[in-house]
Amino acid sequence: MVILFYFMIARGMYGCTLGDWAFDVQLGSETERNHIMYPFQVLFRTFVIMITGIILIPVVSLGFGKDMAYYFSGLKLYSRQY
């Protein structure tokens, strides 16, 4: 539950966790992050990943080369380009 709250607060309020910030990754586009449903989408995305055992969706995403959690939550991971 602590991890779920961490992801919800960090991504919901600041748009990224410390790991996301360190690797220049963000969850959702700038317009998505300003939407009222963004924190709930973050919560749902985190819940889906945790319910599948934290391994299944990331491994499938790695195998297909796509962000599979995007199809469940509607939030895509973006790599910041400078």
C-alpha atoms as a PDB file:
ATOM      1  CA  MET A   1       0.000   0.000   0.000  1.00  0.00           C
ATOM      2  CA  VAL A   2       2.903   2.353   0.695  1.00  0.00           C
ATOM      3  CA  ILE A   3       4.202   1.897  -2.837  1.00  0.00           C
ATOM      4  CA  LEU A   4       0.734   2.529  -4.251  1.00  0.00           C
ATOM      5  CA  PHE A   5       0.446   5.776  -2.273  1.00  0.00           C
ATOM      6  CA  TYR A   6       3.958   6.819  -3.333  1.00  0.00           C
ATOM      7  CA  PHE A   7       3.164   6.336  -7.019  1.00  0.00           C
ATOM      8  CA  MET A   8      -0.208   8.021  -6.671  1.00  0.00           C
ATOM      9  CA  ILE A   9       1.133  11.088  -4.872  1.00  0.00           C
ATOM     10  CA  ALA A  10       4.400  11.453  -6.800  1.00  0.00           C
ATOM     11  CA  ARG A  11       2.923  10.931 -10.261  1.00  0.00           C
ATOM     12  CA  GLY A  12      -0.448  12.494  -9.511  1.00  0.00           C
ATOM     13  CA  MET A  13       0.915  15.726  -8.077  1.00  0.00           C
ATOM     14  CA  TYR A  14       4.366  16.073  -9.634  1.00  0.00           C
ATOM     15  CA  GLY A  15       3.952  14.038 -12.814  1.00  0.00           C
ATOM     16  CA  CYS A  16       6.833  11.672 -12.100  1.00  0.00           C
ATOM     17  CA  THR A  17       8.543   9.638  -9.418  1.00  0.00           C
ATOM     18  CA  LEU A  18      12.191  10.126  -8.516  1.00  0.00           C
ATOM     19  CA  GLY A  19      13.118   7.266 -10.858  1.00  0.00           C
ATOM     20  CA  ASP A  20      11.074   8.779 -13.689  1.00  0.00           C
ATOM     21  CA  TRP A  21      12.767  12.120 -13.118  1.00  0.00           C
ATOM     22  CA  ALA A  22      16.257  10.554 -13.058  1.00  0.00           C
ATOM     23  CA  PHE A  23      15.700   8.771 -16.387  1.00  0.00           C
ATOM     24  CA  ASP A  24      13.753  11.648 -18.035  1.00  0.00           C
ATOM     25  CA  VAL A  25      10.509   9.714 -18.329  1.00  0.00           C
ATOM     26  CA  GLN A  26       7.050  11.109 -17.706  1.00  0.00           C
ATOM     27  CA  LEU A  27       3.631   9.521 -17.506  1.00  0.00           C
ATOM     28  CA  GLY A  28       1.120  11.181 -19.807  1.00  0.00           C
ATOM     29  CA  SER A  29       1.429  14.233 -22.012  1.00  0.00           C
ATOM     30  CA  GLU A  30       1.346  17.778 -20.643  1.00  0.00           C
ATOM     31  CA  THR A  31      -2.351  18.160 -21.492  1.00  0.00           C
ATOM     32  CA  GLU A  32      -3.198  14.811 -19.881  1.00  0.00           C
ATOM     33  CA  ARG A  33      -1.358  15.804 -16.720  1.00  0.00           C
ATOM     34  CA  ASN A  34      -3.558  18.888 -16.328  1.00  0.00           C
ATOM     35  CA  HIS A  35      -6.804  16.920 -16.660  1.00  0.00           C
ATOM     36  CA  ILE A  36      -8.919  16.234 -13.556  1.00  0.00           C
ATOM     37  CA  MET A  37      -8.922  12.446 -14.205  1.00  0.00           C
ATOM     38  CA  TYR A  38      -5.109  12.169 -14.371  1.00  0.00           C
ATOM     39  CA  PRO A  39      -4.589  11.078 -10.718  1.00  0.00           C
ATOM     40  CA  PHE A  40      -7.276   8.401 -11.098  1.00  0.00           C
ATOM     41  CA  GLN A  41      -5.680   7.124 -14.308  1.00  0.00           C
ATOM     42  CA  VAL A  42      -2.325   6.964 -12.503  1.00  0.00           C
ATOM     43  CA  LEU A  43      -3.947   5.021  -9.666  1.00  0.00           C
ATOM     44  CA  PHE A  44      -5.607   2.600 -12.083  1.00  0.00           C
ATOM     45  CA  ARG A  45      -2.408   2.089 -14.096  1.00  0.00           C
ATOM     46  CA  THR A  46      -0.398   1.405 -10.936  1.00  0.00           C
ATOM     47  CA  PHE A  47      -3.093  -0.917  -9.594  1.00  0.00           C
ATOM     48  CA  VAL A  48      -3.209  -2.943 -12.843  1.00  0.00           C
ATOM     49  CA  ILE A  49       0.571  -3.348 -12.860  1.00  0.00           C
ATOM     50  CA  MET A  50       0.624  -4.372  -9.203  1.00  0.00           C
ATOM     51  CA  ILE A  51      -2.308  -6.794  -9.552  1.00  0.00           C
ATOM     52  CA  THR A  52      -0.521  -8.657 -12.364  1.00  0.00           C
ATOM     53  CA  GLY A  53       2.414  -9.294 -10.064  1.00  0.00           C
ATOM     54  CA  ILE A  54       4.583  -6.321 -11.073  1.00  0.00           C
ATOM     55  CA  ILE A  55       6.326  -8.592 -13.580  1.00  0.00           C
ATOM     56  CA  LEU A  56       3.777  -9.681 -16.202  1.00  0.00           C
ATOM     57  CA  ILE A  57       2.879  -6.372 -17.874  1.00  0.00           C
ATOM     58  CA  PRO A  58       6.455  -4.961 -17.862  1.00  0.00           C
ATOM     59  CA  VAL A  59       7.837  -8.206 -19.341  1.00  0.00           C
ATOM     60  CA  VAL A  60       5.110  -8.335 -22.013  1.00  0.00           C
ATOM     61  CA  SER A  61       5.750  -4.644 -22.766  1.00  0.00           C
ATOM     62  CA  LEU A  62       9.445  -5.334 -23.146  1.00  0.00           C
ATOM     63  CA  GLY A  63       8.741  -8.298 -25.431  1.00  0.00           C
ATOM     64  CA  PHE A  64       6.428  -6.345 -27.723  1.00  0.00           C
ATOM     65  CA  GLY A  65       8.419  -3.122 -27.505  1.00  0.00           C
ATOM     66  CA  LYS A  66       5.265  -1.194 -26.520  1.00  0.00           C
ATOM     67  CA  ASP A  67       3.829   0.183 -23.312  1.00  0.00           C
ATOM     68  CA  MET A  68       1.084  -2.391 -22.668  1.00  0.00           C
ATOM     69  CA  ALA A  69      -0.218  -0.642 -19.533  1.00  0.00           C
ATOM     70  CA  TYR A  70      -1.224   2.225 -21.825  1.00  0.00           C
ATOM     71  CA  TYR A  71      -4.002   0.082 -23.268  1.00  0.00           C
ATOM     72  CA  PHE A  72      -5.513  -0.395 -19.797  1.00  0.00           C
ATOM     73  CA  SER A  73      -5.143   3.116 -18.376  1.00  0.00           C
ATOM     74  CA  GLY A  74      -4.937   5.466 -21.339  1.00  0.00           C
ATOM     75  CA  LEU A  75      -1.688   6.992 -20.016  1.00  0.00           C
ATOM     76  CA  LYS A  76       1.445   6.501 -22.054  1.00  0.00           C
ATOM     77  CA  LEU A  77       5.034   6.713 -20.869  1.00  0.00           C
ATOM     78  CA  TYR A  78       6.959   9.429 -22.666  1.00  0.00           C
ATOM     79  CA  SER A  79      10.698   9.887 -22.837  1.00  0.00           C
ATOM     80  CA  ARG A  80      11.577  13.543 -22.666  1.00  0.00           C
ATOM     81  CA  GLN A  81      13.515  14.791 -25.662  1.00  0.00           C
ATOM     82  CA  TYR A  82      15.891  17.716 -25.306  1.00  0.00           C
END
